C-alpha cells in the first residue's frame, strides 16, 4: 500500500504514505534507521498533527482561536480568581510581550478577559478571566472530552494508564534534553 487508506485530500493531490510504507522508505534510504523507533515517533507526530486539526475545528465552531484558547487555559490553570500579569502569560505561552498584548487586546474586545491596573501596585496590569471566558473554556473542554473519549475508546483503563505513563516518560526525556523546546516553532527560525 502506498497511500494512506482513507486519507482526506482532493483528487490528484499527493497523499501521505501509510505509516509502514513511510518506515520502509526510510529504511531503503537510511538502512541504519531503527524501524521501531521511527514507527513510534512518526505515529506520535501524525497523531499530534491530526489532534491539533481536530481541536482547531472545535475551536472554530466555538468562535475562538487556538491562540485565545491558550490564554484561557493558562488563566484557568492558575485557579481562582483566574488572574495573571501579561508578562507571566507571555512567559507561560512562549510569546513576546508585544504578541501577548495584541492577543489580550483582542480577547478584551471579545469579552473573554479583562485588563485592569493592580490596586496594590498601580504600575502592574492584571489580566483576569471573565465569566464568558470561563464558559468558553468549559465548552471547549466538553467538546474535547468527547473527542478524547472517542480517540481512546479501544484502550482498556490499564492500557490508558500505561500509555499515559510511557508518554510522560518520553516527555520528561525531551524536557530534560531540550529545556528550551517549550516555545513556539517560530522561535526556532
N, C-alpha and C. Protein backbone atom coordinates (compact mmCIF):
# COMPACT_ATOMS: atom_id res chain seq x y z
N UNK A 1 0.85 -1.17 0.00
CA UNK A 1 0.00 0.00 0.00
C UNK A 1 0.90 1.23 0.00
N UNK A 2 0.64 2.17 -0.90
CA UNK A 2 1.50 3.34 -1.00
C UNK A 2 0.85 4.60 -0.49
N UNK A 3 -0.45 4.65 -0.38
CA UNK A 3 -1.13 5.84 0.13
C UNK A 3 -1.91 5.46 1.37
N UNK A 4 -2.09 6.41 2.23
CA UNK A 4 -2.83 6.15 3.45
C UNK A 4 -4.27 5.84 3.10
N UNK A 5 -4.77 4.76 3.61
CA UNK A 5 -6.15 4.39 3.36
C UNK A 5 -7.08 5.43 3.97
N UNK A 6 -7.99 5.92 3.14
CA UNK A 6 -8.97 6.88 3.63
C UNK A 6 -8.41 8.25 3.93
N UNK A 7 -7.21 8.56 3.43
CA UNK A 7 -6.65 9.89 3.69
C UNK A 7 -7.47 10.95 2.99
N UNK A 8 -7.78 12.06 3.72
CA UNK A 8 -8.51 13.12 3.07
C UNK A 8 -7.62 13.85 2.08
N UNK A 9 -8.21 14.45 1.11
CA UNK A 9 -7.44 15.22 0.15
C UNK A 9 -8.21 15.32 -1.15
N UNK A 10 -7.90 16.32 -1.92
CA UNK A 10 -8.60 16.49 -3.19
C UNK A 10 -8.06 15.48 -4.19
N UNK A 11 -8.88 15.21 -5.21
CA UNK A 11 -8.49 14.25 -6.24
C UNK A 11 -7.19 14.69 -6.88
N UNK A 12 -6.27 13.76 -7.02
CA UNK A 12 -5.00 14.06 -7.66
C UNK A 12 -3.96 14.65 -6.73
N UNK A 13 -4.35 15.06 -5.52
CA UNK A 13 -3.40 15.64 -4.57
C UNK A 13 -2.56 14.53 -3.96
N UNK A 14 -1.27 14.78 -3.75
CA UNK A 14 -0.43 13.74 -3.13
C UNK A 14 -0.94 13.44 -1.72
N UNK A 15 -0.93 12.17 -1.37
CA UNK A 15 -1.40 11.76 -0.05
C UNK A 15 -0.23 11.24 0.77
N UNK A 16 -0.39 11.35 2.05
CA UNK A 16 0.63 10.88 2.99
C UNK A 16 0.75 9.36 2.86
N UNK A 17 1.98 8.88 2.91
CA UNK A 17 2.21 7.43 2.85
C UNK A 17 1.62 6.76 4.08
N UNK A 18 1.19 5.53 3.91
CA UNK A 18 0.83 4.68 5.02
C UNK A 18 2.05 4.62 5.95
N UNK A 19 1.82 4.50 7.24
CA UNK A 19 2.90 4.52 8.22
C UNK A 19 3.98 3.47 7.90
N UNK A 20 3.56 2.24 7.63
CA UNK A 20 4.54 1.18 7.32
C UNK A 20 5.31 1.48 6.04
N UNK A 21 4.63 2.05 5.04
CA UNK A 21 5.29 2.40 3.78
C UNK A 21 6.32 3.50 4.01
N UNK A 22 5.99 4.45 4.87
CA UNK A 22 6.94 5.53 5.16
C UNK A 22 8.18 4.97 5.86
N UNK A 23 7.97 4.07 6.81
CA UNK A 23 9.10 3.48 7.53
C UNK A 23 9.95 2.66 6.55
N UNK A 24 9.32 1.94 5.64
CA UNK A 24 10.05 1.17 4.63
C UNK A 24 10.89 2.10 3.74
N UNK A 25 10.33 3.25 3.39
CA UNK A 25 11.09 4.22 2.59
C UNK A 25 12.29 4.75 3.37
N UNK A 26 12.09 5.02 4.66
CA UNK A 26 13.21 5.45 5.49
C UNK A 26 14.31 4.38 5.51
N UNK A 27 13.92 3.12 5.69
CA UNK A 27 14.89 2.04 5.74
C UNK A 27 15.61 1.88 4.40
N UNK A 28 14.90 2.07 3.30
CA UNK A 28 15.51 1.98 1.98
C UNK A 28 16.59 3.05 1.82
N UNK A 29 16.30 4.26 2.27
CA UNK A 29 17.21 5.39 2.08
C UNK A 29 18.26 5.52 3.19
N UNK A 30 17.93 4.98 4.36
CA UNK A 30 18.83 5.08 5.51
C UNK A 30 18.74 3.76 6.29
N UNK A 31 19.47 2.72 5.81
CA UNK A 31 19.34 1.38 6.37
C UNK A 31 19.61 1.28 7.88
N UNK A 32 20.36 2.23 8.42
CA UNK A 32 20.67 2.17 9.85
C UNK A 32 19.49 2.57 10.75
N UNK A 33 18.42 3.09 10.17
CA UNK A 33 17.29 3.55 10.96
C UNK A 33 16.66 2.38 11.73
N UNK A 34 16.28 2.64 12.95
CA UNK A 34 15.59 1.63 13.77
C UNK A 34 14.10 1.75 13.46
N UNK A 35 13.52 0.75 12.81
CA UNK A 35 12.11 0.86 12.39
C UNK A 35 11.14 0.99 13.57
N UNK A 36 11.47 0.39 14.70
CA UNK A 36 10.59 0.52 15.87
C UNK A 36 10.56 1.96 16.37
N UNK A 37 11.75 2.57 16.46
CA UNK A 37 11.83 3.96 16.91
C UNK A 37 11.10 4.86 15.93
N UNK A 38 11.37 4.68 14.63
CA UNK A 38 10.73 5.53 13.63
C UNK A 38 9.22 5.38 13.63
N UNK A 39 8.73 4.17 13.83
CA UNK A 39 7.28 3.96 13.86
C UNK A 39 6.65 4.72 15.03
N UNK A 40 7.29 4.67 16.20
CA UNK A 40 6.76 5.37 17.37
C UNK A 40 6.77 6.88 17.14
N UNK A 41 7.91 7.44 16.75
CA UNK A 41 7.98 8.90 16.62
C UNK A 41 7.15 9.41 15.44
N UNK A 42 7.08 8.66 14.37
CA UNK A 42 6.27 9.08 13.23
C UNK A 42 4.79 9.02 13.59
N UNK A 43 4.38 7.96 14.27
CA UNK A 43 2.98 7.85 14.69
C UNK A 43 2.62 8.97 15.67
N UNK A 44 3.53 9.28 16.61
CA UNK A 44 3.27 10.38 17.56
C UNK A 44 3.14 11.71 16.82
N UNK A 45 4.00 11.95 15.85
CA UNK A 45 3.94 13.19 15.08
C UNK A 45 2.64 13.31 14.31
N UNK A 46 2.24 12.23 13.67
CA UNK A 46 0.98 12.24 12.91
C UNK A 46 -0.21 12.41 13.84
N UNK A 47 -0.19 11.71 14.96
CA UNK A 47 -1.29 11.82 15.93
C UNK A 47 -1.39 13.25 16.44
N UNK A 48 -0.26 13.86 16.77
CA UNK A 48 -0.26 15.24 17.25
C UNK A 48 -0.84 16.19 16.20
N UNK A 49 -0.41 16.02 14.97
CA UNK A 49 -0.90 16.89 13.89
C UNK A 49 -2.41 16.73 13.70
N UNK A 50 -2.89 15.51 13.67
CA UNK A 50 -4.31 15.28 13.47
C UNK A 50 -5.15 15.75 14.66
N UNK A 51 -4.63 15.57 15.85
CA UNK A 51 -5.34 16.06 17.03
C UNK A 51 -5.41 17.59 17.01
N UNK A 52 -4.33 18.25 16.62
CA UNK A 52 -4.35 19.71 16.53
C UNK A 52 -5.39 20.20 15.52
N UNK A 53 -5.51 19.49 14.40
CA UNK A 53 -6.53 19.85 13.41
C UNK A 53 -7.93 19.68 14.01
N UNK A 54 -8.16 18.55 14.68
CA UNK A 54 -9.47 18.29 15.28
C UNK A 54 -9.81 19.34 16.34
N UNK A 55 -8.85 19.66 17.20
CA UNK A 55 -9.09 20.68 18.22
C UNK A 55 -9.33 22.05 17.57
N UNK A 56 -8.57 22.34 16.53
CA UNK A 56 -8.74 23.61 15.82
C UNK A 56 -10.14 23.75 15.25
N UNK A 57 -10.68 22.66 14.70
CA UNK A 57 -12.05 22.68 14.17
C UNK A 57 -13.05 22.95 15.28
N UNK A 58 -12.84 22.34 16.43
CA UNK A 58 -13.75 22.57 17.55
C UNK A 58 -13.71 24.03 18.00
N UNK A 59 -12.52 24.60 18.05
CA UNK A 59 -12.39 25.99 18.46
C UNK A 59 -13.10 26.92 17.47
N UNK A 60 -12.97 26.64 16.18
CA UNK A 60 -13.66 27.45 15.18
C UNK A 60 -15.16 27.37 15.41
N UNK A 61 -15.66 26.17 15.70
CA UNK A 61 -17.09 26.00 15.97
C UNK A 61 -17.55 26.85 17.16
N UNK A 62 -16.65 27.08 18.10
CA UNK A 62 -16.98 27.88 19.29
C UNK A 62 -16.65 29.35 19.11
N UNK A 63 -16.05 29.70 17.98
CA UNK A 63 -15.77 31.10 17.70
C UNK A 63 -14.55 31.67 18.40
N UNK A 64 -13.59 30.80 18.74
CA UNK A 64 -12.33 31.29 19.32
C UNK A 64 -11.16 30.68 18.55
N UNK A 65 -10.01 31.33 18.66
CA UNK A 65 -8.81 30.83 18.00
C UNK A 65 -8.02 29.96 18.98
N UNK A 66 -7.08 29.20 18.43
CA UNK A 66 -6.22 28.39 19.31
C UNK A 66 -5.36 29.30 20.19
N UNK A 67 -5.01 30.48 19.67
CA UNK A 67 -4.23 31.44 20.47
C UNK A 67 -5.04 31.90 21.68
N UNK A 68 -6.32 32.16 21.47
CA UNK A 68 -7.18 32.57 22.58
C UNK A 68 -7.39 31.42 23.57
N UNK A 69 -7.52 30.22 23.03
CA UNK A 69 -7.66 29.03 23.88
C UNK A 69 -6.47 28.90 24.82
N UNK A 70 -5.27 29.13 24.30
CA UNK A 70 -4.07 29.03 25.12
C UNK A 70 -4.11 30.00 26.30
N UNK A 71 -4.60 31.21 26.07
CA UNK A 71 -4.71 32.20 27.16
C UNK A 71 -5.76 31.76 28.16
N UNK A 72 -6.92 31.32 27.68
CA UNK A 72 -7.98 30.85 28.59
C UNK A 72 -7.45 29.72 29.47
N UNK A 73 -6.77 28.78 28.83
CA UNK A 73 -6.22 27.62 29.55
C UNK A 73 -5.22 28.06 30.62
N UNK A 74 -4.33 28.98 30.26
CA UNK A 74 -3.32 29.45 31.21
C UNK A 74 -3.97 30.12 32.42
N UNK A 75 -5.03 30.87 32.18
CA UNK A 75 -5.71 31.55 33.29
C UNK A 75 -6.47 30.55 34.17
N UNK A 76 -7.10 29.56 33.56
CA UNK A 76 -7.83 28.56 34.35
C UNK A 76 -6.87 27.73 35.20
N UNK A 77 -5.73 27.38 34.63
CA UNK A 77 -4.77 26.53 35.33
C UNK A 77 -4.26 27.17 36.62
N UNK A 78 -4.14 28.51 36.66
CA UNK A 78 -3.65 29.15 37.88
C UNK A 78 -4.69 29.13 38.99
N UNK A 79 -5.94 28.87 38.65
CA UNK A 79 -7.00 28.79 39.65
C UNK A 79 -7.62 30.14 39.96
N UNK A 80 -8.68 30.09 40.74
CA UNK A 80 -9.40 31.31 41.10
C UNK A 80 -8.47 32.27 41.80
N UNK A 81 -8.53 33.52 41.50
CA UNK A 81 -9.54 34.21 40.68
C UNK A 81 -9.17 34.29 39.20
N UNK A 82 -8.37 33.38 38.69
CA UNK A 82 -8.01 33.32 37.27
C UNK A 82 -7.37 34.62 36.80
N UNK A 83 -6.28 34.98 37.45
CA UNK A 83 -5.61 36.24 37.13
C UNK A 83 -4.11 36.03 36.97
N UNK A 84 -3.54 36.73 35.98
CA UNK A 84 -2.09 36.76 35.77
C UNK A 84 -1.72 38.08 35.14
N UNK A 85 -0.48 38.47 35.31
CA UNK A 85 0.03 39.63 34.61
C UNK A 85 0.34 39.27 33.17
N UNK A 86 0.32 40.24 32.26
CA UNK A 86 0.63 39.95 30.86
C UNK A 86 2.02 39.34 30.66
N UNK A 87 2.99 39.77 31.45
CA UNK A 87 4.34 39.21 31.34
C UNK A 87 4.37 37.75 31.72
N UNK A 88 3.64 37.40 32.80
CA UNK A 88 3.55 35.99 33.21
C UNK A 88 2.87 35.15 32.14
N UNK A 89 1.81 35.69 31.57
CA UNK A 89 1.12 34.98 30.49
C UNK A 89 2.06 34.77 29.31
N UNK A 90 2.77 35.80 28.92
CA UNK A 90 3.69 35.71 27.78
C UNK A 90 4.73 34.62 28.02
N UNK A 91 5.31 34.58 29.22
CA UNK A 91 6.32 33.56 29.54
C UNK A 91 5.72 32.16 29.48
N UNK A 92 4.54 31.98 30.07
CA UNK A 92 3.89 30.67 30.08
C UNK A 92 3.58 30.18 28.67
N UNK A 93 3.28 31.11 27.76
CA UNK A 93 2.88 30.74 26.41
C UNK A 93 4.01 30.83 25.40
N UNK A 94 5.20 31.23 25.84
CA UNK A 94 6.34 31.32 24.94
C UNK A 94 6.18 32.43 23.91
N UNK A 95 5.59 33.55 24.33
CA UNK A 95 5.34 34.67 23.43
C UNK A 95 6.15 35.89 23.82
N UNK A 96 6.31 36.80 22.87
CA UNK A 96 6.90 38.09 23.18
C UNK A 96 5.85 38.94 23.88
N UNK A 97 6.27 39.92 24.67
CA UNK A 97 5.28 40.81 25.30
C UNK A 97 4.37 41.50 24.29
N UNK A 98 4.92 41.90 23.15
CA UNK A 98 4.10 42.57 22.12
C UNK A 98 3.03 41.63 21.58
N UNK A 99 3.39 40.38 21.33
CA UNK A 99 2.40 39.40 20.84
C UNK A 99 1.33 39.16 21.89
N UNK A 100 1.74 39.11 23.15
CA UNK A 100 0.79 38.89 24.23
C UNK A 100 -0.18 40.07 24.33
N UNK A 101 0.34 41.29 24.22
CA UNK A 101 -0.50 42.49 24.28
C UNK A 101 -1.55 42.46 23.18
N UNK A 102 -1.14 42.11 21.97
CA UNK A 102 -2.07 42.04 20.84
C UNK A 102 -3.16 41.00 21.12
N UNK A 103 -2.77 39.85 21.64
CA UNK A 103 -3.72 38.78 21.94
C UNK A 103 -4.71 39.23 23.02
N UNK A 104 -4.19 39.87 24.07
CA UNK A 104 -5.06 40.34 25.15
C UNK A 104 -6.02 41.41 24.64
N UNK A 105 -5.54 42.32 23.82
CA UNK A 105 -6.41 43.36 23.24
C UNK A 105 -7.62 42.73 22.56
N UNK A 106 -7.37 41.74 21.74
CA UNK A 106 -8.44 41.04 21.02
C UNK A 106 -9.41 40.37 21.99
N UNK A 107 -8.88 39.74 23.02
CA UNK A 107 -9.72 38.99 23.96
C UNK A 107 -10.54 39.92 24.85
N UNK A 108 -10.00 41.10 25.17
CA UNK A 108 -10.76 42.10 25.94
C UNK A 108 -11.95 42.55 25.09
N UNK A 109 -11.71 42.82 23.83
CA UNK A 109 -12.78 43.24 22.91
C UNK A 109 -13.87 42.18 22.82
N UNK A 110 -13.48 40.90 22.84
CA UNK A 110 -14.43 39.80 22.74
C UNK A 110 -15.10 39.46 24.07
N UNK A 111 -14.67 40.12 25.15
CA UNK A 111 -15.28 39.87 26.46
C UNK A 111 -14.81 38.61 27.16
N UNK A 112 -13.69 38.05 26.70
CA UNK A 112 -13.17 36.81 27.30
C UNK A 112 -12.31 37.08 28.52
N UNK A 113 -11.65 38.24 28.56
CA UNK A 113 -10.80 38.63 29.68
C UNK A 113 -10.99 40.12 29.93
N UNK A 114 -10.58 40.53 31.12
CA UNK A 114 -10.49 41.96 31.42
C UNK A 114 -9.03 42.28 31.68
N UNK A 115 -8.71 43.57 31.54
CA UNK A 115 -7.35 44.03 31.82
C UNK A 115 -7.52 45.27 32.69
N UNK A 116 -7.00 45.18 33.92
CA UNK A 116 -7.15 46.27 34.89
C UNK A 116 -5.81 46.54 35.56
N UNK A 117 -5.66 47.74 36.09
CA UNK A 117 -4.48 48.05 36.91
C UNK A 117 -4.63 47.34 38.25
N UNK A 118 -3.51 46.83 38.74
CA UNK A 118 -3.48 46.18 40.06
C UNK A 118 -3.62 47.27 41.11
N UNK A 119 -4.63 47.16 41.97
CA UNK A 119 -4.86 48.18 43.00
C UNK A 119 -3.69 48.27 43.99
N UNK A 120 -3.00 47.15 44.22
CA UNK A 120 -1.88 47.14 45.15
C UNK A 120 -0.61 47.73 44.53
N UNK A 121 -0.52 47.70 43.21
CA UNK A 121 0.66 48.19 42.51
C UNK A 121 0.17 48.78 41.19
N UNK A 122 -0.07 50.08 41.15
CA UNK A 122 -0.71 50.73 40.00
C UNK A 122 0.10 50.62 38.72
N UNK A 123 1.37 50.24 38.81
CA UNK A 123 2.18 50.06 37.62
C UNK A 123 1.85 48.72 36.95
N UNK A 124 1.44 47.77 37.75
CA UNK A 124 1.19 46.41 37.27
C UNK A 124 -0.22 46.29 36.69
N UNK A 125 -0.32 45.54 35.59
CA UNK A 125 -1.61 45.24 34.96
C UNK A 125 -1.96 43.79 35.25
N UNK A 126 -3.24 43.54 35.45
CA UNK A 126 -3.72 42.18 35.71
C UNK A 126 -4.72 41.79 34.62
N UNK A 127 -4.54 40.61 34.07
CA UNK A 127 -5.49 40.05 33.10
C UNK A 127 -6.30 39.01 33.86
N UNK A 128 -7.62 39.14 33.77
CA UNK A 128 -8.50 38.23 34.51
C UNK A 128 -9.53 37.62 33.56
N UNK A 129 -9.78 36.35 33.77
CA UNK A 129 -10.78 35.62 33.00
C UNK A 129 -12.17 36.13 33.37
N UNK A 130 -13.02 36.38 32.38
CA UNK A 130 -14.40 36.78 32.64
C UNK A 130 -15.26 35.52 32.76
N UNK A 131 -16.49 35.70 33.19
CA UNK A 131 -17.43 34.57 33.22
C UNK A 131 -17.62 34.01 31.82
N UNK A 132 -17.70 34.90 30.83
CA UNK A 132 -17.84 34.46 29.44
C UNK A 132 -16.62 33.67 28.98
N UNK A 133 -15.44 34.13 29.38
CA UNK A 133 -14.21 33.41 29.03
C UNK A 133 -14.16 32.04 29.67
N UNK A 134 -14.58 31.95 30.93
CA UNK A 134 -14.60 30.66 31.61
C UNK A 134 -15.61 29.72 30.97
N UNK A 135 -16.75 30.26 30.56
CA UNK A 135 -17.76 29.44 29.88
C UNK A 135 -17.23 28.94 28.55
N UNK A 136 -16.49 29.76 27.81
CA UNK A 136 -15.87 29.32 26.55
C UNK A 136 -14.89 28.18 26.81
N UNK A 137 -14.12 28.33 27.89
CA UNK A 137 -13.17 27.28 28.25
C UNK A 137 -13.92 25.98 28.56
N UNK A 138 -15.01 26.08 29.33
CA UNK A 138 -15.79 24.89 29.67
C UNK A 138 -16.40 24.24 28.43
N UNK A 139 -16.94 25.04 27.52
CA UNK A 139 -17.50 24.50 26.28
C UNK A 139 -16.43 23.74 25.49
N UNK A 140 -15.25 24.32 25.43
CA UNK A 140 -14.15 23.69 24.71
C UNK A 140 -13.76 22.38 25.37
N UNK A 141 -13.69 22.38 26.69
CA UNK A 141 -13.34 21.16 27.42
C UNK A 141 -14.38 20.07 27.20
N UNK A 142 -15.66 20.44 27.17
CA UNK A 142 -16.71 19.45 26.93
C UNK A 142 -16.56 18.82 25.55
N UNK A 143 -16.31 19.65 24.54
CA UNK A 143 -16.13 19.13 23.18
C UNK A 143 -14.87 18.25 23.10
N UNK A 144 -13.80 18.69 23.72
CA UNK A 144 -12.55 17.93 23.70
C UNK A 144 -12.71 16.59 24.41
N UNK A 145 -13.47 16.57 25.51
CA UNK A 145 -13.67 15.32 26.26
C UNK A 145 -14.35 14.26 25.39
N UNK A 146 -15.32 14.67 24.59
CA UNK A 146 -16.00 13.73 23.70
C UNK A 146 -15.01 13.18 22.67
N UNK A 147 -14.24 14.09 22.05
CA UNK A 147 -13.24 13.68 21.06
C UNK A 147 -12.21 12.74 21.69
N UNK A 148 -11.72 13.08 22.87
CA UNK A 148 -10.67 12.30 23.52
C UNK A 148 -11.18 10.94 23.98
N UNK A 149 -12.42 10.88 24.47
CA UNK A 149 -13.00 9.58 24.83
C UNK A 149 -13.11 8.68 23.61
N UNK A 150 -13.52 9.27 22.48
CA UNK A 150 -13.62 8.50 21.25
C UNK A 150 -12.24 8.04 20.79
N UNK A 151 -11.25 8.91 20.89
CA UNK A 151 -9.89 8.58 20.50
C UNK A 151 -9.35 7.37 21.27
N UNK A 152 -9.64 7.31 22.55
CA UNK A 152 -9.08 6.26 23.41
C UNK A 152 -10.04 5.09 23.66
N UNK A 153 -11.14 5.04 22.93
CA UNK A 153 -12.16 4.02 23.19
C UNK A 153 -11.66 2.58 23.07
N UNK A 154 -10.66 2.33 22.25
CA UNK A 154 -10.18 0.96 22.05
C UNK A 154 -9.15 0.53 23.10
N UNK A 155 -8.81 1.43 24.01
CA UNK A 155 -7.83 1.09 25.05
C UNK A 155 -8.55 0.81 26.36
N UNK A 156 -8.09 -0.22 27.05
CA UNK A 156 -8.64 -0.52 28.37
C UNK A 156 -8.12 0.51 29.36
N UNK A 157 -8.74 0.61 30.54
CA UNK A 157 -8.20 1.52 31.55
C UNK A 157 -6.73 1.24 31.89
N UNK A 158 -6.35 -0.02 31.92
CA UNK A 158 -4.96 -0.39 32.21
C UNK A 158 -4.05 0.11 31.08
N UNK A 159 -4.48 -0.07 29.83
CA UNK A 159 -3.69 0.39 28.69
C UNK A 159 -3.58 1.92 28.68
N UNK A 160 -4.67 2.60 29.03
CA UNK A 160 -4.64 4.07 29.09
C UNK A 160 -3.63 4.54 30.13
N UNK A 161 -3.65 3.89 31.29
CA UNK A 161 -2.71 4.25 32.34
C UNK A 161 -1.27 4.00 31.88
N UNK A 162 -1.03 2.85 31.29
CA UNK A 162 0.32 2.51 30.81
C UNK A 162 0.77 3.49 29.72
N UNK A 163 -0.12 3.80 28.78
CA UNK A 163 0.23 4.74 27.71
C UNK A 163 0.54 6.11 28.29
N UNK A 164 -0.27 6.56 29.22
CA UNK A 164 -0.02 7.86 29.86
C UNK A 164 1.33 7.90 30.55
N UNK A 165 1.68 6.82 31.25
CA UNK A 165 2.98 6.76 31.93
C UNK A 165 4.14 6.74 30.94
N UNK A 166 3.98 5.98 29.85
CA UNK A 166 5.05 5.91 28.85
C UNK A 166 5.24 7.26 28.16
N UNK A 167 4.16 7.90 27.79
CA UNK A 167 4.27 9.20 27.12
C UNK A 167 4.85 10.25 28.06
N UNK A 168 4.51 10.16 29.34
CA UNK A 168 5.08 11.08 30.32
C UNK A 168 6.58 10.89 30.42
N UNK A 169 7.05 9.65 30.39
CA UNK A 169 8.49 9.39 30.42
C UNK A 169 9.17 9.98 29.19
N UNK A 170 8.55 9.82 28.02
CA UNK A 170 9.13 10.40 26.79
C UNK A 170 9.16 11.92 26.89
N UNK A 171 8.09 12.51 27.39
CA UNK A 171 8.03 13.96 27.55
C UNK A 171 9.13 14.45 28.48
N UNK A 172 9.32 13.76 29.59
CA UNK A 172 10.39 14.16 30.54
C UNK A 172 11.76 14.10 29.88
N UNK A 173 11.98 13.07 29.08
CA UNK A 173 13.27 12.92 28.39
C UNK A 173 13.51 14.12 27.47
N UNK A 174 12.50 14.50 26.71
CA UNK A 174 12.64 15.66 25.82
C UNK A 174 12.83 16.93 26.64
N UNK A 175 12.06 17.09 27.69
CA UNK A 175 12.18 18.30 28.52
C UNK A 175 13.56 18.41 29.16
N UNK A 176 14.14 17.28 29.57
CA UNK A 176 15.47 17.31 30.16
C UNK A 176 16.55 17.59 29.12
N UNK A 177 16.41 17.01 27.93
CA UNK A 177 17.44 17.18 26.92
C UNK A 177 17.27 18.45 26.09
N UNK A 178 16.05 18.99 26.05
CA UNK A 178 15.75 20.20 25.27
C UNK A 178 14.94 21.17 26.14
N UNK A 179 15.53 21.70 27.21
CA UNK A 179 14.76 22.53 28.14
C UNK A 179 14.17 23.79 27.52
N UNK A 180 14.71 24.22 26.39
CA UNK A 180 14.21 25.43 25.74
C UNK A 180 13.19 25.13 24.65
N UNK A 181 12.74 23.89 24.54
CA UNK A 181 11.85 23.48 23.44
C UNK A 181 10.38 23.71 23.73
N UNK A 182 10.05 24.41 24.80
CA UNK A 182 8.65 24.62 25.15
C UNK A 182 8.01 25.76 24.39
N UNK A 183 8.78 26.56 23.69
CA UNK A 183 8.25 27.72 22.96
C UNK A 183 7.60 27.31 21.66
N UNK A 184 7.31 28.28 20.86
CA UNK A 184 6.67 28.08 19.57
C UNK A 184 7.72 27.75 18.51
N UNK A 185 7.27 27.08 17.45
CA UNK A 185 8.19 26.72 16.38
C UNK A 185 8.82 27.94 15.75
N UNK A 186 8.09 29.07 15.72
CA UNK A 186 8.65 30.28 15.14
C UNK A 186 9.93 30.69 15.86
N UNK A 187 10.03 30.32 17.15
CA UNK A 187 11.23 30.66 17.93
C UNK A 187 12.47 29.99 17.36
N UNK A 188 12.28 28.92 16.59
CA UNK A 188 13.42 28.15 16.08
C UNK A 188 13.88 28.65 14.72
N UNK A 189 13.13 29.55 14.11
CA UNK A 189 13.52 30.08 12.78
C UNK A 189 14.75 30.97 12.87
